[in-house]
């Protein structure tokens, strides 16, 4: 990626969110996904920085944003080793592809180049975990067979061994024992580490992604909430007879400290591919979606959309649930089954949760449905398939529209999706880094919205 291409992506997002306006000399092109137009070129990073500085309020984190730009550009232009076969192959491919909406999605706040190479999923590193002991932790579920006992780590009897990411240990955030053990490899989320093909462990990480405020620690309440929602969704999937699988997230522990917690994730299948990886090109040549679909891209995309909307519309209409199951948290098998993980960001019509933001009214749930299920899991794929020449845009968007139309029966949801004049979009740069929460008013920076964008379900856009 050239500097001009990168700068154009950043300025497009800033313009889309209404933070700054593209200058007159910037080359604008029709878009149609989240905005009517995008910047096609004609700007430099220095110009973008100048526009941000001139448009910022005194309390905006301009320097943090520009540092994030630098981190992301370094990641985009770094020399990467060939992707290797193995359980994190698709995670590595997805990590190199980046985020479909956030232009700085590959930035990892505060990490050096050496730390990124040692621990980021695009490099497929393997490293041993650090360990500490916790007396009387909050703990649920059954620990896996590979979990060390206290004595083997030289810990006193009665304490529970807790895994610690090496970055957390190296920064002195948690005291650890000298020995490091249990080789792991990072998955797409970076703080979730593959131990075996079927079992992962999630640990706090001293960095932020998708915004300086999006820190990768683990709030203890999210473990409790995630386990509750996972159990609820598993029951709904079984009762509704839908081809949806849930990763087991019932085993966790914490010490009332966001830097000292863990989640064991058990996967029910081994052939699910992150939706975030589908548009990546494999080292062998084909795109991942061609590999997973055995060459029938249109048929696979159709079947995937049928499952995606059948599940999420059922949750919304019958159960009052909107999932924050975006392209990184949803995987799909070659049989078009969905595999879900990380359920602590769901929004429900009612319930008693550690995080009160998990309960919201119909309008709030509809915005989650549109920005997550529709935009990130369907629309971004449709536009991406067209950009890669894998499906014509009218065909891809026609499938999105038709499968959603087939699933929706509630007039309210139809009015917010298929029939809406414009669709809500997230303001990720604004809420995640640039503007303080006191001014955005965002209780949750991941659910802050900017100016609405075009409804690509009603009128096929020109590109």
Protein backbone atom coordinates (compact mmCIF):
# COMPACT_ATOMS: atom_id res chain seq x y z
CA UNK A 1 0.00 0.00 0.00
CA UNK A 2 1.36 3.39 -0.98
CA UNK A 3 1.29 6.41 1.32
CA UNK A 4 -1.24 8.07 -0.99
CA UNK A 5 -3.57 5.05 -0.82
CA UNK A 6 -3.27 4.87 2.95
CA UNK A 7 -3.83 8.61 3.39
CA UNK A 8 -6.90 8.39 1.16
CA UNK A 9 -8.38 5.64 3.33
CA UNK A 10 -7.81 7.63 6.50
CA UNK A 11 -9.23 10.84 5.05
CA UNK A 12 -12.23 8.95 3.68
CA UNK A 13 -13.07 7.71 7.18
CA UNK A 14 -12.59 11.15 8.74
CA UNK A 15 -14.78 12.70 6.07
CA UNK A 16 -17.41 9.96 6.48
CA UNK A 17 -17.57 10.58 10.21
CA UNK A 18 -17.89 14.33 9.69
CA UNK A 19 -14.70 15.12 11.58
CA UNK A 20 -12.97 16.88 8.67
CA UNK A 21 -13.89 17.47 5.05
CA UNK A 22 -11.80 16.35 2.13
CA UNK A 23 -10.09 19.33 0.45
CA UNK A 24 -11.14 20.45 -3.01
CA UNK A 25 -8.04 18.98 -4.68
CA UNK A 26 -8.64 15.46 -3.30
CA UNK A 27 -9.88 13.02 -5.89
CA UNK A 28 -13.37 11.91 -4.89
CA UNK A 29 -14.95 8.73 -6.22
CA UNK A 30 -18.44 7.29 -5.80
CA UNK A 31 -18.64 4.75 -3.00
CA UNK A 32 -22.05 3.52 -1.88
CA UNK A 33 -21.08 1.30 1.05
CA UNK A 34 -20.93 3.52 4.15
CA UNK A 35 -20.66 6.86 2.36
CA UNK A 36 -21.75 8.37 -0.93
CA UNK A 37 -18.15 9.10 -1.89
CA UNK A 38 -14.61 8.30 -0.82
CA UNK A 39 -11.21 9.83 -1.38
CA UNK A 40 -9.50 8.06 -4.24
CA UNK A 41 -6.13 9.79 -3.97
CA UNK A 42 -4.38 13.11 -4.26
CA UNK A 43 -3.51 13.54 -0.56
CA UNK A 44 -0.54 12.80 1.68
CA UNK A 45 -0.34 11.83 5.33
CA UNK A 46 1.10 15.24 6.10
CA UNK A 47 -1.97 16.86 4.58
CA UNK A 48 -4.27 14.61 6.58
CA UNK A 49 -2.37 15.51 9.77
CA UNK A 50 -2.69 19.21 8.95
CA UNK A 51 -6.44 18.87 8.32
CA UNK A 52 -6.92 17.06 11.63
CA UNK A 53 -4.89 19.61 13.58
CA UNK A 54 -6.80 22.53 12.07
CA UNK A 55 -10.19 20.90 12.65
CA UNK A 56 -9.58 19.55 16.16
CA UNK A 57 -10.89 20.93 19.42
CA UNK A 58 -8.42 21.66 22.19
CA UNK A 59 -9.22 18.44 24.09
CA UNK A 60 -9.09 16.11 21.07
CA UNK A 61 -6.32 13.50 21.14
CA UNK A 62 -4.68 14.58 17.91
CA UNK A 63 -1.21 13.33 18.77
CA UNK A 64 -2.58 9.95 19.82
CA UNK A 65 -4.43 9.73 16.52
CA UNK A 66 -1.37 10.63 14.48
CA UNK A 67 0.67 8.04 16.41
CA UNK A 68 -2.02 5.51 15.56
CA UNK A 69 -1.72 6.49 11.90
CA UNK A 70 2.02 5.88 12.07
CA UNK A 71 1.60 2.48 13.71
CA UNK A 72 -0.98 1.41 11.15
CA UNK A 73 1.07 2.58 8.16
CA UNK A 74 4.13 0.78 9.50
CA UNK A 75 2.06 -2.40 9.75
CA UNK A 76 0.66 -1.96 6.25
CA UNK A 77 4.12 -1.57 4.71
CA UNK A 78 6.08 -4.08 6.81
CA UNK A 79 7.82 -7.07 5.26
CA UNK A 80 5.97 -10.17 6.40
CA UNK A 81 7.07 -13.80 6.34
CA UNK A 82 5.06 -16.28 4.26
CA UNK A 83 1.91 -17.52 5.98
CA UNK A 84 2.43 -21.06 7.22
CA UNK A 85 -0.06 -23.92 7.42
CA UNK A 86 -1.50 -24.62 10.85
CA UNK A 87 -4.37 -23.76 13.17
CA UNK A 88 -3.80 -19.97 12.93
CA UNK A 89 -3.30 -19.80 9.15
CA UNK A 90 -6.60 -18.02 8.51
CA UNK A 91 -6.06 -15.72 11.49
CA UNK A 92 -2.74 -14.60 10.01
CA UNK A 93 -4.33 -13.98 6.61
CA UNK A 94 -7.16 -12.00 8.18
CA UNK A 95 -4.74 -9.93 10.28
CA UNK A 96 -2.84 -8.92 7.15
CA UNK A 97 -6.05 -7.92 5.41
CA UNK A 98 -7.01 -5.36 8.04
CA UNK A 99 -10.40 -4.02 9.08
CA UNK A 100 -13.07 -3.36 6.42
CA UNK A 101 -14.15 -0.05 8.00
CA UNK A 102 -11.42 1.20 10.36
CA UNK A 103 -8.42 2.34 8.28
CA UNK A 104 -6.09 2.06 11.28
CA UNK A 105 -7.22 -1.43 12.26
CA UNK A 106 -3.70 -2.86 12.12
CA UNK A 107 -2.29 -0.37 14.65
CA UNK A 108 -1.29 -1.79 18.03
CA UNK A 109 -0.89 1.08 20.44
CA UNK A 110 2.35 1.38 22.34
CA UNK A 111 4.06 -1.73 20.96
CA UNK A 112 7.51 -1.59 19.40
CA UNK A 113 8.23 -3.12 16.01
CA UNK A 114 10.05 -5.97 17.76
CA UNK A 115 7.05 -6.63 20.03
CA UNK A 116 4.68 -6.64 17.08
CA UNK A 117 6.87 -9.18 15.30
CA UNK A 118 7.11 -11.30 18.43
CA UNK A 119 3.40 -11.35 19.34
CA UNK A 120 1.11 -10.20 16.50
CA UNK A 121 -0.97 -12.74 14.57
CA UNK A 122 0.21 -11.65 11.11
CA UNK A 123 3.65 -13.02 11.98
CA UNK A 124 2.36 -16.35 13.36
CA UNK A 125 4.83 -16.39 16.27
CA UNK A 126 4.96 -19.08 18.92
CA UNK A 127 5.95 -18.20 22.47
CA UNK A 128 5.55 -19.56 26.03
CA UNK A 129 3.13 -17.97 28.47
CA UNK A 130 4.16 -16.36 31.72
CA UNK A 131 2.38 -17.50 34.89
CA UNK A 132 1.40 -16.11 38.25
CA UNK A 133 -0.51 -17.44 41.24
CA UNK A 134 -3.79 -16.07 42.57
CA UNK A 135 -5.22 -16.90 45.96
CA UNK A 136 -9.01 -17.29 46.12
CA UNK A 137 -9.85 -16.08 42.58
CA UNK A 138 -13.31 -15.94 41.08
CA UNK A 139 -13.34 -19.05 38.94
CA UNK A 140 -15.85 -21.01 36.86
CA UNK A 141 -15.72 -24.15 34.74
CA UNK A 142 -13.21 -26.96 34.46
CA UNK A 143 -9.60 -26.17 33.65
CA UNK A 144 -8.10 -28.07 30.69
CA UNK A 145 -5.63 -30.92 31.05
CA UNK A 146 -2.68 -28.76 29.91
CA UNK A 147 -3.12 -26.31 32.80
CA UNK A 148 -0.08 -26.49 35.11
CA UNK A 149 -0.50 -27.12 38.81
CA UNK A 150 0.83 -24.72 41.41
CA UNK A 151 3.62 -26.97 42.63
CA UNK A 152 5.13 -27.41 39.15
CA UNK A 153 5.51 -23.62 38.93
CA UNK A 154 6.97 -23.32 42.41
CA UNK A 155 3.83 -21.63 43.71
CA UNK A 156 2.48 -22.16 47.23
CA UNK A 157 -0.26 -24.71 47.79
CA UNK A 158 -3.76 -23.34 47.53
CA UNK A 159 -3.13 -20.70 44.85
CA UNK A 160 -4.46 -21.04 41.31
CA UNK A 161 -2.02 -20.61 38.40
CA UNK A 162 -3.12 -17.79 36.07
CA UNK A 163 -1.68 -17.36 32.56
CA UNK A 164 -0.11 -13.97 31.80
CA UNK A 165 0.79 -12.64 28.37
CA UNK A 166 4.54 -12.02 28.08
CA UNK A 167 3.89 -8.36 27.19
CA UNK A 168 1.94 -7.91 30.42
CA UNK A 169 4.71 -9.62 32.39
CA UNK A 170 7.50 -7.66 30.70
CA UNK A 171 5.82 -4.37 31.59
CA UNK A 172 5.62 -5.38 35.24
CA UNK A 173 1.84 -5.12 35.35
CA UNK A 174 1.57 -8.53 37.03
CA UNK A 175 4.25 -10.30 39.13
CA UNK A 176 5.11 -13.66 37.57
CA UNK A 177 7.16 -16.74 38.35
CA UNK A 178 10.52 -17.08 36.54
CA UNK A 179 9.54 -20.06 34.40
CA UNK A 180 7.50 -19.58 31.24
CA UNK A 181 5.72 -22.56 29.75
CA UNK A 182 2.95 -23.68 27.39
CA UNK A 183 3.68 -22.63 23.81
CA UNK A 184 0.86 -20.61 22.23
CA UNK A 185 0.20 -18.82 18.94
CA UNK A 186 -1.92 -15.65 18.64
CA UNK A 187 -5.27 -15.74 16.88
CA UNK A 188 -6.74 -12.75 15.06
CA UNK A 189 -7.66 -10.95 18.29
CA UNK A 190 -3.99 -11.17 19.46
CA UNK A 191 -4.95 -11.51 23.13
CA UNK A 192 -6.62 -14.87 22.40
CA UNK A 193 -3.97 -17.54 22.01
CA UNK A 194 -4.26 -20.96 20.42
CA UNK A 195 -2.98 -23.70 22.72
CA UNK A 196 -4.37 -26.59 20.69
CA UNK A 197 -6.55 -26.64 17.60
CA UNK A 198 -9.64 -26.96 19.79
CA UNK A 199 -8.69 -24.89 22.85
CA UNK A 200 -7.69 -21.25 23.14
CA UNK A 201 -6.93 -19.05 26.13
CA UNK A 202 -7.73 -15.33 26.26
CA UNK A 203 -5.59 -13.10 28.48
CA UNK A 204 -5.27 -9.33 29.03
CA UNK A 205 -2.91 -7.49 26.71
CA UNK A 206 -1.26 -4.08 27.34
CA UNK A 207 -2.22 -2.46 24.06
CA UNK A 208 -5.22 -0.94 22.31
CA UNK A 209 -6.69 -1.63 18.87
CA UNK A 210 -9.38 0.10 16.83
CA UNK A 211 -8.77 3.24 18.85
CA UNK A 212 -6.60 4.38 21.75
CA UNK A 213 -9.52 3.93 24.14
CA UNK A 214 -10.16 0.35 23.04
CA UNK A 215 -7.77 -1.24 25.52
CA UNK A 216 -7.25 -4.99 25.40
CA UNK A 217 -7.50 -5.72 29.12
CA UNK A 218 -10.32 -7.99 30.36
CA UNK A 219 -12.96 -6.44 32.58
CA UNK A 220 -14.00 -9.17 35.03
CA UNK A 221 -17.70 -8.58 34.41
CA UNK A 222 -17.35 -9.37 30.70
CA UNK A 223 -16.39 -12.96 31.55
CA UNK A 224 -19.59 -13.46 33.54
CA UNK A 225 -21.76 -11.72 30.96
CA UNK A 226 -20.17 -13.57 28.05
CA UNK A 227 -20.73 -16.96 29.65
CA UNK A 228 -24.38 -16.13 30.36
CA UNK A 229 -25.04 -14.97 26.81
CA UNK A 230 -23.22 -17.95 25.32
CA UNK A 231 -25.42 -20.35 27.29
CA UNK A 232 -28.53 -18.41 26.24
CA UNK A 233 -27.56 -18.40 22.56
CA UNK A 234 -26.68 -22.10 22.62
CA UNK A 235 -30.16 -22.87 23.88
CA UNK A 236 -31.80 -20.67 21.24
CA UNK A 237 -29.77 -22.19 18.40
CA UNK A 238 -30.77 -25.68 19.49
CA UNK A 239 -34.41 -24.76 19.99
CA UNK A 240 -34.65 -22.96 16.65
CA UNK A 241 -32.84 -25.74 14.79
CA UNK A 242 -30.43 -23.32 13.12
CA UNK A 243 -26.93 -24.26 11.85
CA UNK A 244 -25.18 -22.13 14.47
CA UNK A 245 -22.43 -23.32 16.81
CA UNK A 246 -21.20 -21.58 19.95
CA UNK A 247 -17.68 -21.77 21.29
CA UNK A 248 -17.72 -22.95 24.92
CA UNK A 249 -16.78 -19.93 27.07
CA UNK A 250 -17.84 -21.26 30.48
CA UNK A 251 -14.33 -21.64 31.93
CA UNK A 252 -12.77 -18.44 33.21
CA UNK A 253 -11.13 -16.78 36.18
CA UNK A 254 -10.30 -13.32 37.43
CA UNK A 255 -8.82 -11.59 40.45
CA UNK A 256 -11.00 -8.45 40.31
CA UNK A 257 -8.27 -6.93 38.16
CA UNK A 258 -8.51 -6.20 34.39
CA UNK A 259 -4.84 -7.19 34.02
CA UNK A 260 -5.30 -10.51 35.81
CA UNK A 261 -7.96 -12.68 34.18
CA UNK A 262 -8.36 -15.51 31.68
CA UNK A 263 -10.95 -17.23 29.52
CA UNK A 264 -10.62 -20.76 28.15
CA UNK A 265 -12.40 -21.10 24.80
CA UNK A 266 -13.26 -24.54 23.47
CA UNK A 267 -14.15 -24.84 19.79
CA UNK A 268 -16.66 -27.46 18.62
CA UNK A 269 -15.29 -27.76 15.05
CA UNK A 270 -11.87 -27.35 13.47
CA UNK A 271 -12.79 -26.22 9.94
CA UNK A 272 -14.46 -22.87 10.65
CA UNK A 273 -12.85 -19.87 8.96
CA UNK A 274 -13.11 -16.33 10.38
CA UNK A 275 -15.38 -14.21 8.20
CA UNK A 276 -12.62 -11.59 8.40
CA UNK A 277 -10.37 -13.93 6.40
CA UNK A 278 -12.72 -14.71 3.51
CA UNK A 279 -11.50 -11.86 1.29
CA UNK A 280 -7.79 -12.51 1.90
CA UNK A 281 -5.67 -14.00 -0.84
CA UNK A 282 -3.92 -17.23 0.10
CA UNK A 283 -0.20 -17.80 -0.54
CA UNK A 284 -1.25 -20.42 -3.07
CA UNK A 285 -3.15 -17.86 -5.17
CA UNK A 286 -6.92 -18.24 -4.64
CA UNK A 287 -8.85 -16.12 -2.19
CA UNK A 288 -9.89 -17.80 1.05
CA UNK A 289 -13.56 -17.77 0.05
CA UNK A 290 -12.66 -19.66 -3.12
CA UNK A 291 -10.80 -22.22 -1.05
CA UNK A 292 -13.61 -22.65 1.50
CA UNK A 293 -16.35 -22.78 -1.13
CA UNK A 294 -14.44 -25.16 -3.45
CA UNK A 295 -14.77 -22.51 -6.15
CA UNK A 296 -18.52 -21.88 -5.89
CA UNK A 297 -18.29 -18.36 -4.48
CA UNK A 298 -21.83 -17.31 -5.35
CA UNK A 299 -23.39 -20.47 -3.93
CA UNK A 300 -21.36 -20.29 -0.74
CA UNK A 301 -22.04 -16.58 -0.22
CA UNK A 302 -25.74 -17.23 -0.73
CA UNK A 303 -25.77 -20.09 1.80
CA UNK A 304 -23.73 -18.06 4.28
CA UNK A 305 -26.12 -15.11 4.05
CA UNK A 306 -29.10 -17.39 4.52
CA UNK A 307 -27.60 -18.67 7.78
CA UNK A 308 -26.35 -15.24 8.89
CA UNK A 309 -29.70 -13.50 8.46
CA UNK A 310 -31.79 -16.48 9.50
CA UNK A 311 -29.95 -16.51 12.82
CA UNK A 312 -29.64 -12.80 13.52
CA UNK A 313 -33.16 -11.91 12.39
CA UNK A 314 -34.56 -14.71 14.55
CA UNK A 315 -32.64 -13.36 17.53
CA UNK A 316 -33.82 -9.81 16.88
CA UNK A 317 -37.47 -10.51 16.13
CA UNK A 318 -38.23 -13.41 18.48
CA UNK A 319 -35.80 -12.88 21.33
CA UNK A 320 -35.00 -9.17 21.41
CA UNK A 321 -31.26 -9.74 20.90
CA UNK A 322 -28.78 -7.96 18.63
CA UNK A 323 -25.31 -9.47 18.55
CA UNK A 324 -22.05 -7.58 18.31
CA UNK A 325 -20.82 -10.62 16.39
CA UNK A 326 -18.67 -8.88 13.78
CA UNK A 327 -16.38 -10.32 11.13
CA UNK A 328 -13.68 -11.21 13.68
CA UNK A 329 -16.03 -12.99 16.08
CA UNK A 330 -17.97 -14.96 13.48
CA UNK A 331 -16.51 -17.91 11.62
CA UNK A 332 -18.13 -20.02 8.92
CA UNK A 333 -17.61 -23.66 7.96
CA UNK A 334 -17.61 -25.01 4.40
CA UNK A 335 -21.15 -26.23 5.21
CA UNK A 336 -22.24 -22.62 5.86
CA UNK A 337 -22.59 -23.16 9.61
CA UNK A 338 -21.78 -20.18 11.79
CA UNK A 339 -19.41 -20.44 14.76
CA UNK A 340 -19.76 -17.63 17.31
CA UNK A 341 -17.44 -16.47 20.08
CA UNK A 342 -17.01 -13.43 22.37
CA UNK A 343 -20.61 -12.70 23.29
CA UNK A 344 -20.11 -10.03 25.95
CA UNK A 345 -21.02 -7.20 23.55
CA UNK A 346 -24.56 -8.37 22.78
CA UNK A 347 -27.51 -6.06 23.36
CA UNK A 348 -30.74 -7.51 24.75
CA UNK A 349 -34.19 -6.11 25.40
CA UNK A 350 -33.90 -7.09 29.06
CA UNK A 351 -31.66 -8.92 31.50
CA UNK A 352 -29.49 -8.53 34.55
CA UNK A 353 -25.88 -8.13 33.46
CA UNK A 354 -22.64 -6.88 34.99
CA UNK A 355 -22.49 -4.34 32.15
CA UNK A 356 -25.76 -2.36 32.01
CA UNK A 357 -24.97 -1.30 28.43
CA UNK A 358 -25.97 -4.81 27.34
CA UNK A 359 -29.63 -3.84 27.70
CA UNK A 360 -31.07 -1.46 25.12
CA UNK A 361 -34.24 -0.40 23.40
CA UNK A 362 -35.34 -1.40 19.89
CA UNK A 363 -33.66 1.56 18.14
CA UNK A 364 -30.34 0.82 19.84
CA UNK A 365 -30.61 -2.87 18.96
CA UNK A 366 -31.47 -2.02 15.36
CA UNK A 367 -28.32 0.12 15.07
CA UNK A 368 -26.25 -2.81 16.31
CA UNK A 369 -27.95 -5.12 13.81
CA UNK A 370 -27.26 -2.77 10.91
CA UNK A 371 -23.69 -1.77 11.75
CA UNK A 372 -22.52 -5.25 12.75
CA UNK A 373 -24.59 -7.94 11.04
CA UNK A 374 -25.47 -6.03 7.89
CA UNK A 375 -22.45 -3.79 7.29
CA UNK A 376 -19.54 -5.86 8.60
CA UNK A 377 -20.73 -9.42 8.04
CA UNK A 378 -22.63 -8.93 4.77
CA UNK A 379 -22.20 -5.57 3.03
CA UNK A 380 -18.42 -5.40 3.42
CA UNK A 381 -18.16 -8.89 1.93
CA UNK A 382 -20.41 -7.99 -1.02
CA UNK A 383 -18.35 -4.92 -1.90
CA UNK A 384 -15.11 -6.80 -1.28
CA UNK A 385 -16.10 -9.67 -3.57
CA UNK A 386 -16.87 -7.16 -6.31
CA UNK A 387 -13.55 -5.34 -5.85
CA UNK A 388 -11.70 -8.64 -6.26
CA UNK A 389 -13.66 -9.63 -9.35
CA UNK A 390 -15.21 -12.63 -7.61
CA UNK A 391 -18.84 -11.50 -8.01
CA UNK A 392 -20.41 -8.55 -9.84
CA UNK A 393 -21.57 -5.94 -7.34
CA UNK A 394 -25.25 -6.13 -8.40
CA UNK A 395 -25.15 -9.90 -7.92
CA UNK A 396 -23.46 -9.75 -4.52
CA UNK A 397 -25.71 -6.97 -3.18
CA UNK A 398 -28.74 -8.65 -4.70
CA UNK A 399 -27.98 -11.74 -2.64
CA UNK A 400 -27.64 -9.63 0.53
CA UNK A 401 -30.94 -7.89 -0.15
CA UNK A 402 -32.84 -11.04 -1.11
CA UNK A 403 -31.64 -13.14 1.82
CA UNK A 404 -32.45 -10.37 4.29
CA UNK A 405 -35.84 -9.82 2.67
CA UNK A 406 -36.48 -13.55 2.99
CA UNK A 407 -35.66 -13.54 6.70
CA UNK A 408 -37.32 -10.33 7.95
CA UNK A 409 -40.98 -10.45 9.00
CA UNK A 410 -41.10 -7.62 11.56
CA UNK A 411 -42.17 -4.25 10.04
CA UNK A 412 -39.92 -2.40 12.50
CA UNK A 413 -36.76 -4.23 11.42
CA UNK A 414 -37.75 -3.92 7.76
CA UNK A 415 -38.17 -0.16 8.18
CA UNK A 416 -34.68 0.09 9.71
CA UNK A 417 -33.02 -2.01 7.01
CA UNK A 418 -34.58 -2.79 3.64
CA UNK A 419 -36.85 0.26 3.52
CA UNK A 420 -34.66 2.80 5.34
CA UNK A 421 -33.71 5.89 3.30
CA UNK A 422 -30.25 5.88 4.95
CA UNK A 423 -28.41 3.42 7.19
CA UNK A 424 -26.54 4.14 10.45
CA UNK A 425 -22.75 3.98 10.44
CA UNK A 426 -20.21 3.93 13.24
CA UNK A 427 -17.86 6.82 13.97
CA UNK A 428 -14.92 4.67 15.00
CA UNK A 429 -12.06 7.16 14.67
CA UNK A 430 -14.04 9.85 16.45
CA UNK A 431 -15.07 7.76 19.45
CA UNK A 432 -12.09 5.42 19.62
CA UNK A 433 -9.33 8.00 19.66
CA UNK A 434 -10.02 11.57 18.64
CA UNK A 435 -12.92 12.97 20.66
CA UNK A 436 -13.27 12.44 24.43
CA UNK A 437 -16.30 10.56 25.70
CA UNK A 438 -17.48 13.67 27.53
CA UNK A 439 -18.14 15.26 24.13
CA UNK A 440 -19.29 12.26 22.11
CA UNK A 441 -21.62 11.21 24.91
CA UNK A 442 -20.83 7.60 24.03
CA UNK A 443 -21.45 5.21 26.91
CA UNK A 444 -19.78 2.58 24.71
CA UNK A 445 -17.21 3.79 22.18
CA UNK A 446 -17.96 0.73 20.05
CA UNK A 447 -21.57 1.84 19.69
CA UNK A 448 -21.08 5.48 18.74
CA UNK A 449 -22.62 6.54 15.45
CA UNK A 450 -21.80 9.21 12.89
CA UNK A 451 -23.70 10.58 9.88
CA UNK A 452 -25.88 7.94 8.19
CA UNK A 453 -24.77 6.42 4.92
CA UNK A 454 -26.48 5.19 1.76
CA UNK A 455 -28.82 2.22 1.82
CA UNK A 456 -27.16 -0.16 -0.63
CA UNK A 457 -30.12 -2.54 -0.22
CA UNK A 458 -32.50 -0.15 -1.97
CA UNK A 459 -30.44 1.13 -4.85
CA UNK A 460 -27.36 -0.54 -6.27
CA UNK A 461 -24.52 1.97 -6.03
CA UNK A 462 -22.21 3.00 -8.85
CA UNK A 463 -18.50 2.45 -8.31
